[in-house]
Structure formats: structure tokens, C-alpha cells
Amino acid sequence: MTTTAIRNKVHQYIDEADTNVLEVVYKLLEVYRQGNKSLLSDEQQEEVLKRLSLFKEGKTKGYSIADAKKKIRQKTRV
């Protein structure tokens, strides 16, 4: 698909979009324009790095998605 075709499709989608879609597109474009590499705040990035460090040091444990889902199901059963 050419750039012109993509641009035309995006314009068409934007013209028909509801407020929620427009807000998401706007935020995405703002992040892109600002050159941000991450959608996380500085505090969130710091927390991710802290947790990664603890994991690498063996001070915390990680779970597979399957294990996490299993634990969640067990805790939410009443």
C-alpha cells in the first residue's frame, strides 16, 4: 500500500471515529512526535527497572503466563 493510500485510509478512519478512538490516536501521535521511546512514565520505568534488577539478582520470582493465570483463578474462586 502506498503512503498516499495509507494517508487516505487514516483520514477516512479519523473522520468516522468516535471520541475514544480519537483520544487514543492523539496520544499515540503525541508520544511519537515527542520522540518518547516508552509509553511509561518516569516513575513506571524506574519501577520496571527495579523489579528487573531484583529478578536478575534472584531476590524475586517470575511466573509464566499460564502459572499467573492459574494463581489468579485460584485466588478469585469463592
N, C-alpha and C. Protein backbone atom coordinates (compact mmCIF):
# COMPACT_ATOMS: atom_id res chain seq x y z
N MET A 1 0.85 -1.17 0.00
CA MET A 1 0.00 0.00 0.00
C MET A 1 0.90 1.24 0.00
N THR A 2 0.58 2.19 -0.81
CA THR A 2 1.40 3.41 -0.90
C THR A 2 1.13 4.33 0.29
N THR A 3 2.03 5.27 0.47
CA THR A 3 1.86 6.25 1.54
C THR A 3 0.58 7.05 1.35
N THR A 4 0.30 7.42 0.11
CA THR A 4 -0.91 8.18 -0.18
C THR A 4 -2.16 7.37 0.16
N ALA A 5 -2.16 6.09 -0.18
CA ALA A 5 -3.30 5.23 0.13
C ALA A 5 -3.48 5.08 1.63
N ILE A 6 -2.39 4.92 2.34
CA ILE A 6 -2.45 4.81 3.80
C ILE A 6 -2.99 6.10 4.39
N ARG A 7 -2.46 7.23 3.92
CA ARG A 7 -2.92 8.53 4.42
C ARG A 7 -4.42 8.70 4.20
N ASN A 8 -4.89 8.34 3.02
CA ASN A 8 -6.32 8.46 2.72
C ASN A 8 -7.17 7.57 3.63
N LYS A 9 -6.70 6.35 3.87
CA LYS A 9 -7.43 5.43 4.75
C LYS A 9 -7.47 5.98 6.18
N VAL A 10 -6.33 6.49 6.64
CA VAL A 10 -6.27 7.04 8.01
C VAL A 10 -7.23 8.22 8.12
N HIS A 11 -7.23 9.09 7.13
CA HIS A 11 -8.15 10.23 7.15
C HIS A 11 -9.61 9.75 7.20
N GLN A 12 -9.90 8.74 6.43
CA GLN A 12 -11.27 8.19 6.41
C GLN A 12 -11.63 7.64 7.80
N TYR A 13 -10.72 6.87 8.40
CA TYR A 13 -10.99 6.32 9.72
C TYR A 13 -11.17 7.43 10.76
N ILE A 14 -10.32 8.44 10.71
CA ILE A 14 -10.39 9.55 11.65
C ILE A 14 -11.72 10.28 11.51
N ASP A 15 -12.14 10.51 10.28
CA ASP A 15 -13.40 11.21 10.04
C ASP A 15 -14.60 10.45 10.62
N GLU A 16 -14.49 9.14 10.72
CA GLU A 16 -15.60 8.31 11.19
C GLU A 16 -15.45 7.87 12.65
N ALA A 17 -14.32 8.20 13.27
CA ALA A 17 -14.00 7.69 14.61
C ALA A 17 -14.80 8.38 15.71
N ASP A 18 -15.03 7.62 16.79
CA ASP A 18 -15.67 8.22 17.96
C ASP A 18 -14.61 8.88 18.85
N THR A 19 -15.04 9.52 19.90
CA THR A 19 -14.13 10.28 20.76
C THR A 19 -13.04 9.41 21.37
N ASN A 20 -13.38 8.20 21.80
CA ASN A 20 -12.37 7.32 22.42
C ASN A 20 -11.25 6.99 21.46
N VAL A 21 -11.59 6.67 20.23
CA VAL A 21 -10.57 6.35 19.22
C VAL A 21 -9.71 7.57 18.94
N LEU A 22 -10.34 8.73 18.82
CA LEU A 22 -9.60 9.96 18.55
C LEU A 22 -8.61 10.27 19.67
N GLU A 23 -9.02 10.05 20.92
CA GLU A 23 -8.12 10.29 22.05
C GLU A 23 -6.91 9.36 22.01
N VAL A 24 -7.14 8.10 21.69
CA VAL A 24 -6.05 7.13 21.62
C VAL A 24 -5.08 7.51 20.50
N VAL A 25 -5.61 7.83 19.34
CA VAL A 25 -4.77 8.21 18.19
C VAL A 25 -3.98 9.47 18.53
N TYR A 26 -4.65 10.43 19.15
CA TYR A 26 -3.98 11.67 19.53
C TYR A 26 -2.81 11.41 20.48
N LYS A 27 -3.04 10.60 21.51
CA LYS A 27 -1.99 10.30 22.48
C LYS A 27 -0.83 9.56 21.83
N LEU A 28 -1.15 8.63 20.94
CA LEU A 28 -0.11 7.89 20.23
C LEU A 28 0.74 8.83 19.39
N LEU A 29 0.09 9.74 18.68
CA LEU A 29 0.83 10.69 17.85
C LEU A 29 1.66 11.65 18.68
N GLU A 30 1.16 12.06 19.84
CA GLU A 30 1.93 12.92 20.73
C GLU A 30 3.20 12.22 21.20
N VAL A 31 3.07 10.97 21.58
CA VAL A 31 4.25 10.21 22.01
C VAL A 31 5.25 10.12 20.86
N TYR A 32 4.77 9.85 19.68
CA TYR A 32 5.65 9.74 18.50
C TYR A 32 6.34 11.07 18.23
N ARG A 33 5.59 12.16 18.26
CA ARG A 33 6.15 13.48 17.98
C ARG A 33 7.21 13.89 18.99
N GLN A 34 7.00 13.51 20.24
CA GLN A 34 7.94 13.88 21.29
C GLN A 34 9.19 13.00 21.28
N GLY A 35 9.15 11.94 20.48
CA GLY A 35 10.31 11.06 20.38
C GLY A 35 10.46 10.14 21.57
N ASN A 36 9.41 9.98 22.37
CA ASN A 36 9.48 9.10 23.53
C ASN A 36 9.60 7.66 23.08
N LYS A 37 10.45 6.94 23.73
CA LYS A 37 10.64 5.53 23.41
C LYS A 37 9.66 4.65 24.17
N SER A 38 9.04 5.21 25.18
CA SER A 38 8.18 4.41 26.04
C SER A 38 6.90 5.16 26.37
N LEU A 39 5.85 4.41 26.57
CA LEU A 39 4.58 5.00 26.99
C LEU A 39 4.49 5.06 28.51
N LEU A 40 5.52 4.55 29.19
CA LEU A 40 5.54 4.56 30.64
C LEU A 40 6.05 5.89 31.17
N SER A 41 5.53 6.29 32.30
CA SER A 41 6.05 7.49 32.96
C SER A 41 7.45 7.17 33.51
N ASP A 42 8.16 8.21 33.92
CA ASP A 42 9.49 8.00 34.51
C ASP A 42 9.41 7.11 35.74
N GLU A 43 8.38 7.32 36.56
CA GLU A 43 8.21 6.51 37.77
C GLU A 43 7.95 5.05 37.42
N GLN A 44 7.13 4.82 36.40
CA GLN A 44 6.83 3.45 35.98
C GLN A 44 8.07 2.78 35.41
N GLN A 45 8.85 3.51 34.62
CA GLN A 45 10.09 2.95 34.07
C GLN A 45 11.06 2.59 35.19
N GLU A 46 11.14 3.46 36.20
CA GLU A 46 12.02 3.20 37.34
C GLU A 46 11.59 1.93 38.08
N GLU A 47 10.28 1.75 38.26
CA GLU A 47 9.76 0.55 38.94
C GLU A 47 10.06 -0.71 38.14
N VAL A 48 9.90 -0.66 36.83
CA VAL A 48 10.20 -1.82 35.98
C VAL A 48 11.67 -2.19 36.10
N LEU A 49 12.55 -1.19 36.05
CA LEU A 49 13.98 -1.46 36.16
C LEU A 49 14.35 -2.03 37.53
N LYS A 50 13.70 -1.51 38.58
CA LYS A 50 13.95 -2.03 39.94
C LYS A 50 13.54 -3.49 40.03
N ARG A 51 12.36 -3.81 39.51
CA ARG A 51 11.88 -5.19 39.56
C ARG A 51 12.74 -6.12 38.72
N LEU A 52 13.21 -5.63 37.57
CA LEU A 52 14.09 -6.44 36.72
C LEU A 52 15.39 -6.74 37.46
N SER A 53 15.93 -5.75 38.13
CA SER A 53 17.16 -5.94 38.89
C SER A 53 16.97 -6.98 40.00
N LEU A 54 15.86 -6.87 40.72
CA LEU A 54 15.57 -7.86 41.77
C LEU A 54 15.44 -9.26 41.20
N PHE A 55 14.81 -9.37 40.03
CA PHE A 55 14.65 -10.68 39.39
C PHE A 55 16.01 -11.25 39.00
N LYS A 56 16.85 -10.42 38.39
CA LYS A 56 18.17 -10.89 37.96
C LYS A 56 19.05 -11.30 39.14
N GLU A 57 18.84 -10.64 40.29
CA GLU A 57 19.61 -10.98 41.49
C GLU A 57 19.04 -12.18 42.22
N GLY A 58 17.93 -12.71 41.74
CA GLY A 58 17.31 -13.86 42.37
C GLY A 58 16.54 -13.52 43.64
N LYS A 59 16.24 -12.24 43.84
CA LYS A 59 15.54 -11.81 45.04
C LYS A 59 14.02 -11.81 44.87
N THR A 60 13.57 -12.05 43.68
CA THR A 60 12.14 -12.14 43.40
C THR A 60 11.92 -13.20 42.35
N LYS A 61 10.71 -13.70 42.27
CA LYS A 61 10.41 -14.80 41.36
C LYS A 61 9.46 -14.31 40.26
N GLY A 62 9.63 -14.84 39.08
CA GLY A 62 8.72 -14.55 37.99
C GLY A 62 7.83 -15.75 37.71
N TYR A 63 6.74 -15.52 37.02
CA TYR A 63 5.80 -16.58 36.69
C TYR A 63 5.51 -16.57 35.20
N SER A 64 5.28 -17.75 34.66
CA SER A 64 4.83 -17.82 33.26
C SER A 64 3.40 -17.31 33.21
N ILE A 65 2.93 -16.99 32.04
CA ILE A 65 1.55 -16.52 31.89
C ILE A 65 0.58 -17.59 32.37
N ALA A 66 0.86 -18.84 32.01
CA ALA A 66 -0.02 -19.94 32.43
C ALA A 66 -0.06 -20.05 33.95
N ASP A 67 1.10 -19.96 34.61
CA ASP A 67 1.14 -20.03 36.07
C ASP A 67 0.42 -18.84 36.71
N ALA A 68 0.61 -17.66 36.14
CA ALA A 68 -0.05 -16.46 36.67
C ALA A 68 -1.57 -16.60 36.56
N LYS A 69 -2.05 -17.07 35.41
CA LYS A 69 -3.49 -17.26 35.24
C LYS A 69 -4.03 -18.28 36.24
N LYS A 70 -3.27 -19.35 36.46
CA LYS A 70 -3.69 -20.38 37.41
C LYS A 70 -3.79 -19.80 38.82
N LYS A 71 -2.79 -19.03 39.23
CA LYS A 71 -2.81 -18.42 40.56
C LYS A 71 -3.99 -17.45 40.70
N ILE A 72 -4.23 -16.67 39.67
CA ILE A 72 -5.35 -15.72 39.71
C ILE A 72 -6.68 -16.45 39.83
N ARG A 73 -6.85 -17.50 39.04
CA ARG A 73 -8.09 -18.28 39.11
C ARG A 73 -8.30 -18.87 40.50
N GLN A 74 -7.23 -19.38 41.10
CA GLN A 74 -7.32 -19.96 42.44
C GLN A 74 -7.72 -18.91 43.46
N LYS A 75 -7.19 -17.74 43.35
CA LYS A 75 -7.48 -16.68 44.34
C LYS A 75 -8.84 -16.06 44.13
N THR A 76 -9.40 -16.13 42.94
CA THR A 76 -10.68 -15.49 42.69
C THR A 76 -11.86 -16.44 42.87
N ARG A 77 -11.59 -17.71 43.08
CA ARG A 77 -12.67 -18.66 43.37
C ARG A 77 -13.19 -18.43 44.77
N VAL A 78 -14.47 -18.41 44.89
CA VAL A 78 -15.08 -18.21 46.22
C VAL A 78 -15.81 -19.45 46.66
